[in-house]
Amino acid sequence: MKILKILLAVLSILCLFDMPYGYYQLYRFVAMGIFFTIAFKEKSSENWMIFWILSGLLVQPFFKIPLGREIWNGVDVFWAIVLVYSALKK
């Protein structure tokens, strides 16, 4: 799980740069899958499980939530921090 969290944190930080639109589409699919995988693996902590499920729902690619570039950048930084913290805390 640690590797997946660090990988997703790096992918989230890459979203801050001017990437091709296809990257963001791919990121949504990958992030959703990883968030749901983390939620399934960490079901012993209900609060974390709910956080990861909500994160997966927010980033899901099917019904995009238009938050604006600045807000998405903030969300990406927040996710990167939380992912690295949760990977290193154990």
PDB file of N, CA and C in Angstrom:
ATOM      1  N   MET A   1       0.823  -1.195   0.000  1.00  0.00           N
ATOM      2  CA  MET A   1       0.000   0.000   0.000  1.00  0.00           C
ATOM      3  C   MET A   1       0.870   1.263   0.000  1.00  0.00           C
ATOM      4  N   LYS A   2       2.005   1.176   0.667  1.00  0.00           N
ATOM      5  CA  LYS A   2       2.873   2.339   0.773  1.00  0.00           C
ATOM      6  C   LYS A   2       3.304   2.826  -0.615  1.00  0.00           C
ATOM      7  N   ILE A   3       3.641   1.888  -1.490  1.00  0.00           N
ATOM      8  CA  ILE A   3       4.093   2.251  -2.838  1.00  0.00           C
ATOM      9  C   ILE A   3       2.955   2.901  -3.623  1.00  0.00           C
ATOM     10  N   LEU A   4       1.749   2.349  -3.512  1.00  0.00           N
ATOM     11  CA  LEU A   4       0.601   2.939  -4.213  1.00  0.00           C
ATOM     12  C   LEU A   4       0.327   4.361  -3.732  1.00  0.00           C
ATOM     13  N   LYS A   5       0.424   4.578  -2.438  1.00  0.00           N
ATOM     14  CA  LYS A   5       0.168   5.909  -1.892  1.00  0.00           C
ATOM     15  C   LYS A   5       1.209   6.915  -2.372  1.00  0.00           C
ATOM     16  N   ILE A   6       2.471   6.518  -2.363  1.00  0.00           N
ATOM     17  CA  ILE A   6       3.534   7.415  -2.822  1.00  0.00           C
ATOM     18  C   ILE A   6       3.380   7.675  -4.320  1.00  0.00           C
ATOM     19  N   LEU A   7       3.054   6.637  -5.083  1.00  0.00           N
ATOM     20  CA  LEU A   7       2.839   6.800  -6.522  1.00  0.00           C
ATOM     21  C   LEU A   7       1.709   7.789  -6.793  1.00  0.00           C
ATOM     22  N   LEU A   8       0.603   7.645  -6.091  1.00  0.00           N
ATOM     23  CA  LEU A   8      -0.528   8.542  -6.290  1.00  0.00           C
ATOM     24  C   LEU A   8      -0.188   9.959  -5.838  1.00  0.00           C
ATOM     25  N   ALA A   9       0.619  10.100  -4.798  1.00  0.00           N
ATOM     26  CA  ALA A   9       1.045  11.428  -4.357  1.00  0.00           C
ATOM     27  C   ALA A   9       1.871  12.105  -5.457  1.00  0.00           C
ATOM     28  N   VAL A  10       2.760  11.368  -6.089  1.00  0.00           N
ATOM     29  CA  VAL A  10       3.570  11.920  -7.177  1.00  0.00           C
ATOM     30  C   VAL A  10       2.681  12.296  -8.361  1.00  0.00           C
ATOM     31  N   LEU A  11       1.748  11.413  -8.707  1.00  0.00           N
ATOM     32  CA  LEU A  11       0.829  11.715  -9.806  1.00  0.00           C
ATOM     33  C   LEU A  11      -0.019  12.939  -9.498  1.00  0.00           C
ATOM     34  N   SER A  12      -0.398  13.113  -8.248  1.00  0.00           N
ATOM     35  CA  SER A  12      -1.191  14.284  -7.846  1.00  0.00           C
ATOM     36  C   SER A  12      -0.375  15.567  -7.984  1.00  0.00           C
ATOM     37  N   ILE A  13       0.891  15.515  -7.611  1.00  0.00           N
ATOM     38  CA  ILE A  13       1.755  16.689  -7.743  1.00  0.00           C
ATOM     39  C   ILE A  13       1.983  17.026  -9.213  1.00  0.00           C
ATOM     40  N   LEU A  14       2.071  16.010 -10.068  1.00  0.00           N
ATOM     41  CA  LEU A  14       2.243  16.264 -11.501  1.00  0.00           C
ATOM     42  C   LEU A  14       1.046  17.004 -12.090  1.00  0.00           C
ATOM     43  N   CYS A  15      -0.108  16.888 -11.455  1.00  0.00           N
ATOM     44  CA  CYS A  15      -1.297  17.605 -11.924  1.00  0.00           C
ATOM     45  C   CYS A  15      -1.140  19.117 -11.788  1.00  0.00           C
ATOM     46  N   LEU A  16      -0.189  19.568 -10.978  1.00  0.00           N
ATOM     47  CA  LEU A  16       0.022  20.998 -10.804  1.00  0.00           C
ATOM     48  C   LEU A  16       0.684  21.629 -12.030  1.00  0.00           C
ATOM     49  N   PHE A  17       1.343  20.804 -12.838  1.00  0.00           N
ATOM     50  CA  PHE A  17       2.030  21.300 -14.019  1.00  0.00           C
ATOM     51  C   PHE A  17       1.092  21.300 -15.222  1.00  0.00           C
ATOM     52  N   ASP A  18       1.501  21.962 -16.261  1.00  0.00           N
ATOM     53  CA  ASP A  18       0.689  22.064 -17.474  1.00  0.00           C
ATOM     54  C   ASP A  18       0.849  20.779 -18.285  1.00  0.00           C
ATOM     55  N   MET A  19       0.031  19.795 -17.977  1.00  0.00           N
ATOM     56  CA  MET A  19       0.089  18.490 -18.636  1.00  0.00           C
ATOM     57  C   MET A  19      -0.972  18.430 -19.739  1.00  0.00           C
ATOM     58  N   PRO A  20      -0.799  17.515 -20.692  1.00  0.00           N
ATOM     59  CA  PRO A  20      -1.843  17.339 -21.709  1.00  0.00           C
ATOM     60  C   PRO A  20      -3.143  16.850 -21.061  1.00  0.00           C
ATOM     61  N   TYR A  21      -4.265  17.181 -21.686  1.00  0.00           N
ATOM     62  CA  TYR A  21      -5.565  16.831 -21.117  1.00  0.00           C
ATOM     63  C   TYR A  21      -5.696  15.322 -20.896  1.00  0.00           C
ATOM     64  N   GLY A  22      -5.085  14.528 -21.754  1.00  0.00           N
ATOM     65  CA  GLY A  22      -5.137  13.072 -21.612  1.00  0.00           C
ATOM     66  C   GLY A  22      -4.542  12.595 -20.297  1.00  0.00           C
ATOM     67  N   TYR A  23      -3.535  13.316 -19.795  1.00  0.00           N
ATOM     68  CA  TYR A  23      -2.943  12.941 -18.510  1.00  0.00           C
ATOM     69  C   TYR A  23      -3.981  13.045 -17.403  1.00  0.00           C
ATOM     70  N   TYR A  24      -4.747  14.125 -17.416  1.00  0.00           N
ATOM     71  CA  TYR A  24      -5.738  14.331 -16.366  1.00  0.00           C
ATOM     72  C   TYR A  24      -6.846  13.283 -16.443  1.00  0.00           C
ATOM     73  N   GLN A  25      -7.209  12.874 -17.648  1.00  0.00           N
ATOM     74  CA  GLN A  25      -8.208  11.813 -17.799  1.00  0.00           C
ATOM     75  C   GLN A  25      -7.661  10.497 -17.251  1.00  0.00           C
ATOM     76  N   LEU A  26      -6.420  10.178 -17.617  1.00  0.00           N
ATOM     77  CA  LEU A  26      -5.799   8.953 -17.107  1.00  0.00           C
ATOM     78  C   LEU A  26      -5.649   9.018 -15.592  1.00  0.00           C
ATOM     79  N   TYR A  27      -5.256  10.189 -15.086  1.00  0.00           N
ATOM     80  CA  TYR A  27      -5.099  10.371 -13.647  1.00  0.00           C
ATOM     81  C   TYR A  27      -6.400  10.073 -12.908  1.00  0.00           C
ATOM     82  N   ARG A  28      -7.524  10.529 -13.445  1.00  0.00           N
ATOM     83  CA  ARG A  28      -8.815  10.304 -12.796  1.00  0.00           C
ATOM     84  C   ARG A  28      -9.100   8.806 -12.643  1.00  0.00           C
ATOM     85  N   PHE A  29      -8.856   8.037 -13.703  1.00  0.00           N
ATOM     86  CA  PHE A  29      -9.093   6.593 -13.629  1.00  0.00           C
ATOM     87  C   PHE A  29      -8.140   5.930 -12.636  1.00  0.00           C
ATOM     88  N   VAL A  30      -6.862   6.264 -12.734  1.00  0.00           N
ATOM     89  CA  VAL A  30      -5.860   5.660 -11.852  1.00  0.00           C
ATOM     90  C   VAL A  30      -6.124   6.039 -10.402  1.00  0.00           C
ATOM     91  N   ALA A  31      -6.370   7.331 -10.158  1.00  0.00           N
ATOM     92  CA  ALA A  31      -6.598   7.797  -8.784  1.00  0.00           C
ATOM     93  C   ALA A  31      -7.844   7.159  -8.183  1.00  0.00           C
ATOM     94  N   MET A  32      -8.905   7.072  -8.972  1.00  0.00           N
ATOM     95  CA  MET A  32     -10.130   6.445  -8.466  1.00  0.00           C
ATOM     96  C   MET A  32      -9.846   4.993  -8.059  1.00  0.00           C
ATOM     97  N   GLY A  33      -9.153   4.273  -8.915  1.00  0.00           N
ATOM     98  CA  GLY A  33      -8.832   2.878  -8.605  1.00  0.00           C
ATOM     99  C   GLY A  33      -7.966   2.739  -7.368  1.00  0.00           C
ATOM    100  N   ILE A  34      -6.960   3.599  -7.260  1.00  0.00           N
ATOM    101  CA  ILE A  34      -6.072   3.524  -6.093  1.00  0.00           C
ATOM    102  C   ILE A  34      -6.803   3.941  -4.818  1.00  0.00           C
ATOM    103  N   PHE A  35      -7.600   5.001  -4.879  1.00  0.00           N
ATOM    104  CA  PHE A  35      -8.353   5.420  -3.689  1.00  0.00           C
ATOM    105  C   PHE A  35      -9.293   4.315  -3.208  1.00  0.00           C
ATOM    106  N   PHE A  36     -10.002   3.681  -4.137  1.00  0.00           N
ATOM    107  CA  PHE A  36     -10.914   2.607  -3.741  1.00  0.00           C
ATOM    108  C   PHE A  36     -10.144   1.389  -3.222  1.00  0.00           C
ATOM    109  N   THR A  37      -8.975   1.110  -3.805  1.00  0.00           N
ATOM    110  CA  THR A  37      -8.139   0.008  -3.324  1.00  0.00           C
ATOM    111  C   THR A  37      -7.655   0.286  -1.907  1.00  0.00           C
ATOM    112  N   ILE A  38      -7.204   1.509  -1.663  1.00  0.00           N
ATOM    113  CA  ILE A  38      -6.756   1.884  -0.322  1.00  0.00           C
ATOM    114  C   ILE A  38      -7.915   1.765   0.667  1.00  0.00           C
ATOM    115  N   ALA A  39      -9.101   2.230   0.262  1.00  0.00           N
ATOM    116  CA  ALA A  39     -10.273   2.140   1.144  1.00  0.00           C
ATOM    117  C   ALA A  39     -10.575   0.687   1.493  1.00  0.00           C
ATOM    118  N   PHE A  40     -10.484  -0.193   0.508  1.00  0.00           N
ATOM    119  CA  PHE A  40     -10.765  -1.613   0.751  1.00  0.00           C
ATOM    120  C   PHE A  40      -9.726  -2.224   1.684  1.00  0.00           C
ATOM    121  N   LYS A  41      -8.468  -1.864   1.488  1.00  0.00           N
ATOM    122  CA  LYS A  41      -7.389  -2.435   2.303  1.00  0.00           C
ATOM    123  C   LYS A  41      -7.361  -1.871   3.724  1.00  0.00           C
ATOM    124  N   GLU A  42      -7.840  -0.649   3.898  1.00  0.00           N
ATOM    125  CA  GLU A  42      -7.791  -0.008   5.222  1.00  0.00           C
ATOM    126  C   GLU A  42      -9.170   0.079   5.861  1.00  0.00           C
ATOM    127  N   LYS A  43      -9.950  -0.950   5.689  1.00  0.00           N
ATOM    128  CA  LYS A  43     -11.306  -0.914   6.239  1.00  0.00           C
ATOM    129  C   LYS A  43     -11.341  -1.068   7.755  1.00  0.00           C
ATOM    130  N   SER A  44     -10.192  -1.333   8.384  1.00  0.00           N
ATOM    131  CA  SER A  44     -10.154  -1.434   9.840  1.00  0.00           C
ATOM    132  C   SER A  44     -10.339  -0.058  10.498  1.00  0.00           C
ATOM    133  N   SER A  45      -9.971   1.004   9.791  1.00  0.00           N
ATOM    134  CA  SER A  45     -10.169   2.362  10.297  1.00  0.00           C
ATOM    135  C   SER A  45     -11.302   3.006   9.501  1.00  0.00           C
ATOM    136  N   GLU A  46     -12.453   3.115  10.125  1.00  0.00           N
ATOM    137  CA  GLU A  46     -13.638   3.598   9.416  1.00  0.00           C
ATOM    138  C   GLU A  46     -13.466   5.021   8.896  1.00  0.00           C
ATOM    139  N   ASN A  47     -12.833   5.898   9.684  1.00  0.00           N
ATOM    140  CA  ASN A  47     -12.647   7.285   9.244  1.00  0.00           C
ATOM    141  C   ASN A  47     -11.788   7.367   7.996  1.00  0.00           C
ATOM    142  N   TRP A  48     -10.667   6.627   7.977  1.00  0.00           N
ATOM    143  CA  TRP A  48      -9.807   6.621   6.794  1.00  0.00           C
ATOM    144  C   TRP A  48     -10.538   6.003   5.605  1.00  0.00           C
ATOM    145  N   MET A  49     -11.264   4.944   5.838  1.00  0.00           N
ATOM    146  CA  MET A  49     -11.981   4.290   4.749  1.00  0.00           C
ATOM    147  C   MET A  49     -12.975   5.265   4.104  1.00  0.00           C
ATOM    148  N   ILE A  50     -13.705   6.011   4.913  1.00  0.00           N
ATOM    149  CA  ILE A  50     -14.662   6.987   4.380  1.00  0.00           C
ATOM    150  C   ILE A  50     -13.925   8.083   3.616  1.00  0.00           C
ATOM    151  N   PHE A  51     -12.797   8.548   4.136  1.00  0.00           N
ATOM    152  CA  PHE A  51     -12.005   9.577   3.452  1.00  0.00           C
ATOM    153  C   PHE A  51     -11.560   9.088   2.081  1.00  0.00           C
ATOM    154  N   TRP A  52     -11.051   7.853   2.008  1.00  0.00           N
ATOM    155  CA  TRP A  52     -10.560   7.336   0.724  1.00  0.00           C
ATOM    156  C   TRP A  52     -11.716   7.118  -0.253  1.00  0.00           C
ATOM    157  N   ILE A  53     -12.852   6.669   0.225  1.00  0.00           N
ATOM    158  CA  ILE A  53     -14.005   6.483  -0.665  1.00  0.00           C
ATOM    159  C   ILE A  53     -14.481   7.836  -1.197  1.00  0.00           C
ATOM    160  N   LEU A  54     -14.583   8.828  -0.332  1.00  0.00           N
ATOM    161  CA  LEU A  54     -15.001  10.160  -0.786  1.00  0.00           C
ATOM    162  C   LEU A  54     -13.994  10.752  -1.773  1.00  0.00           C
ATOM    163  N   SER A  55     -12.721  10.500  -1.537  1.00  0.00           N
ATOM    164  CA  SER A  55     -11.696  10.978  -2.468  1.00  0.00           C
ATOM    165  C   SER A  55     -11.858  10.301  -3.828  1.00  0.00           C
ATOM    166  N   GLY A  56     -12.114   9.000  -3.819  1.00  0.00           N
ATOM    167  CA  GLY A  56     -12.336   8.276  -5.071  1.00  0.00           C
ATOM    168  C   GLY A  56     -13.565   8.782  -5.804  1.00  0.00           C
ATOM    169  N   LEU A  57     -14.609   9.094  -5.072  1.00  0.00           N
ATOM    170  CA  LEU A  57     -15.825   9.623  -5.703  1.00  0.00           C
ATOM    171  C   LEU A  57     -15.609  11.028  -6.251  1.00  0.00           C
ATOM    172  N   LEU A  58     -14.807  11.822  -5.568  1.00  0.00           N
ATOM    173  CA  LEU A  58     -14.542  13.176  -6.045  1.00  0.00           C
ATOM    174  C   LEU A  58     -13.733  13.173  -7.341  1.00  0.00           C
ATOM    175  N   VAL A  59     -12.801  12.258  -7.459  1.00  0.00           N
ATOM    176  CA  VAL A  59     -11.910  12.246  -8.614  1.00  0.00           C
ATOM    177  C   VAL A  59     -12.433  11.364  -9.755  1.00  0.00           C
ATOM    178  N   GLN A  60     -13.491  10.641  -9.538  1.00  0.00           N
ATOM    179  CA  GLN A  60     -13.988   9.697 -10.555  1.00  0.00           C
ATOM    180  C   GLN A  60     -14.234  10.399 -11.887  1.00  0.00           C
ATOM    181  N   PRO A  61     -13.982   9.697 -13.010  1.00  0.00           N
ATOM    182  CA  PRO A  61     -14.017  10.336 -14.327  1.00  0.00           C
ATOM    183  C   PRO A  61     -15.383  10.342 -15.011  1.00  0.00           C
ATOM    184  N   PHE A  62     -16.396   9.751 -14.438  1.00  0.00           N
ATOM    185  CA  PHE A  62     -17.659   9.574 -15.148  1.00  0.00           C
ATOM    186  C   PHE A  62     -18.572  10.788 -15.041  1.00  0.00           C
ATOM    187  N   PHE A  63     -18.656  11.380 -13.865  1.00  0.00           N
ATOM    188  CA  PHE A  63     -19.448  12.588 -13.640  1.00  0.00           C
ATOM    189  C   PHE A  63     -18.508  13.625 -13.032  1.00  0.00           C
ATOM    190  N   LYS A  64     -17.821  14.349 -13.898  1.00  0.00           N
ATOM    191  CA  LYS A  64     -16.776  15.270 -13.457  1.00  0.00           C
ATOM    192  C   LYS A  64     -17.367  16.421 -12.651  1.00  0.00           C
ATOM    193  N   ILE A  65     -16.671  16.762 -11.587  1.00  0.00           N
ATOM    194  CA  ILE A  65     -17.081  17.850 -10.716  1.00  0.00           C
ATOM    195  C   ILE A  65     -16.222  19.072 -11.059  1.00  0.00           C
ATOM    196  N   PRO A  66     -16.831  20.115 -11.632  1.00  0.00           N
ATOM    197  CA  PRO A  66     -16.049  21.290 -12.058  1.00  0.00           C
ATOM    198  C   PRO A  66     -15.734  22.219 -10.881  1.00  0.00           C
ATOM    199  N   LEU A  67     -14.544  22.091 -10.322  1.00  0.00           N
ATOM    200  CA  LEU A  67     -14.150  22.922  -9.189  1.00  0.00           C
ATOM    201  C   LEU A  67     -13.283  24.102  -9.611  1.00  0.00           C
ATOM    202  N   GLY A  68     -12.763  24.093 -10.808  1.00  0.00           N
ATOM    203  CA  GLY A  68     -11.835  25.140 -11.236  1.00  0.00           C
ATOM    204  C   GLY A  68     -10.405  24.720 -10.981  1.00  0.00           C
ATOM    205  N   ARG A  69      -9.520  25.230 -11.785  1.00  0.00           N
ATOM    206  CA  ARG A  69      -8.105  24.817 -11.729  1.00  0.00           C
ATOM    207  C   ARG A  69      -7.469  25.077 -10.361  1.00  0.00           C
ATOM    208  N   GLU A  70      -7.702  26.238  -9.782  1.00  0.00           N
ATOM    209  CA  GLU A  70      -7.057  26.589  -8.509  1.00  0.00           C
ATOM    210  C   GLU A  70      -7.505  25.658  -7.380  1.00  0.00           C
ATOM    211  N   ILE A  71      -8.785  25.361  -7.329  1.00  0.00           N
ATOM    212  CA  ILE A  71      -9.287  24.477  -6.273  1.00  0.00           C
ATOM    213  C   ILE A  71      -8.764  23.056  -6.477  1.00  0.00           C
ATOM    214  N   TRP A  72      -8.764  22.584  -7.727  1.00  0.00           N
ATOM    215  CA  TRP A  72      -8.236  21.245  -7.989  1.00  0.00           C
ATOM    216  C   TRP A  72      -6.759  21.170  -7.607  1.00  0.00           C
ATOM    217  N   ASN A  73      -6.000  22.242  -7.879  1.00  0.00           N
ATOM    218  CA  ASN A  73      -4.589  22.242  -7.483  1.00  0.00           C
ATOM    219  C   ASN A  73      -4.452  22.122  -5.967  1.00  0.00           C
ATOM    220  N   GLY A  74      -5.294  22.833  -5.233  1.00  0.00           N
ATOM    221  CA  GLY A  74      -5.273  22.719  -3.774  1.00  0.00           C
ATOM    222  C   GLY A  74      -5.634  21.325  -3.303  1.00  0.00           C
ATOM    223  N   VAL A  75      -6.630  20.729  -3.945  1.00  0.00           N
ATOM    224  CA  VAL A  75      -7.043  19.368  -3.595  1.00  0.00           C
ATOM    225  C   VAL A  75      -5.907  18.385  -3.889  1.00  0.00           C
ATOM    226  N   ASP A  76      -5.230  18.571  -5.017  1.00  0.00           N
ATOM    227  CA  ASP A  76      -4.115  17.678  -5.372  1.00  0.00           C
ATOM    228  C   ASP A  76      -2.982  17.769  -4.351  1.00  0.00           C
ATOM    229  N   VAL A  77      -2.662  18.979  -3.924  1.00  0.00           N
ATOM    230  CA  VAL A  77      -1.607  19.154  -2.906  1.00  0.00           C
ATOM    231  C   VAL A  77      -2.051  18.517  -1.590  1.00  0.00           C
ATOM    232  N   PHE A  78      -3.296  18.739  -1.209  1.00  0.00           N
ATOM    233  CA  PHE A  78      -3.831  18.138   0.016  1.00  0.00           C
ATOM    234  C   PHE A  78      -3.740  16.616  -0.044  1.00  0.00           C
ATOM    235  N   TRP A  79      -4.184  16.027  -1.177  1.00  0.00           N
ATOM    236  CA  TRP A  79      -4.107  14.580  -1.323  1.00  0.00           C
ATOM    237  C   TRP A  79      -2.671  14.088  -1.239  1.00  0.00           C
ATOM    238  N   ALA A  80      -1.743  14.801  -1.875  1.00  0.00           N
ATOM    239  CA  ALA A  80      -0.343  14.386  -1.844  1.00  0.00           C
ATOM    240  C   ALA A  80       0.176  14.370  -0.412  1.00  0.00           C
ATOM    241  N   ILE A  81      -0.140  15.402   0.352  1.00  0.00           N
ATOM    242  CA  ILE A  81       0.304  15.466   1.745  1.00  0.00           C
ATOM    243  C   ILE A  81      -0.293  14.339   2.567  1.00  0.00           C
ATOM    244  N   VAL A  82      -1.603  14.125   2.428  1.00  0.00           N
ATOM    245  CA  VAL A  82      -2.279  13.076   3.196  1.00  0.00           C
ATOM    246  C   VAL A  82      -1.769  11.695   2.798  1.00  0.00           C
ATOM    247  N   LEU A  83      -1.566  11.477   1.512  1.00  0.00           N
ATOM    248  CA  LEU A  83      -1.082  10.177   1.047  1.00  0.00           C
ATOM    249  C   LEU A  83       0.320   9.881   1.586  1.00  0.00           C
ATOM    250  N   VAL A  84       1.211  10.855   1.524  1.00  0.00           N
ATOM    251  CA  VAL A  84       2.567  10.651   2.042  1.00  0.00           C
ATOM    252  C   VAL A  84       2.520  10.450   3.554  1.00  0.00           C
ATOM    253  N   TYR A  85       1.716  11.251   4.249  1.00  0.00           N
ATOM    254  CA  TYR A  85       1.589  11.089   5.703  1.00  0.00           C
ATOM    255  C   TYR A  85       1.086   9.694   6.052  1.00  0.00           C
ATOM    256  N   SER A  86       0.027   9.250   5.367  1.00  0.00           N
ATOM    257  CA  SER A  86      -0.541   7.941   5.703  1.00  0.00           C
ATOM    258  C   SER A  86       0.392   6.805   5.313  1.00  0.00           C
ATOM    259  N   ALA A  87       1.227   7.014   4.311  1.00  0.00           N
ATOM    260  CA  ALA A  87       2.190   5.975   3.922  1.00  0.00           C
ATOM    261  C   ALA A  87       3.335   5.872   4.918  1.00  0.00           C
ATOM    262  N   LEU A  88       3.723   6.997   5.502  1.00  0.00           N
ATOM    263  CA  LEU A  88       4.892   7.005   6.400  1.00  0.00           C
ATOM    264  C   LEU A  88       4.539   6.848   7.869  1.00  0.00           C
ATOM    265  N   LYS A  89       3.268   6.974   8.231  1.00  0.00           N
ATOM    266  CA  LYS A  89       2.899   6.946   9.660  1.00  0.00           C
ATOM    267  C   LYS A  89       3.019   5.571  10.285  1.00  0.00           C
ATOM    268  N   LYS A  90       2.979   4.517   9.504  1.00  0.00           N
ATOM    269  CA  LYS A  90       3.019   3.166  10.078  1.00  0.00           C
ATOM    270  C   LYS A  90       4.420   2.640  10.183  1.00  0.00           C
TER     271      LYS A  90
END
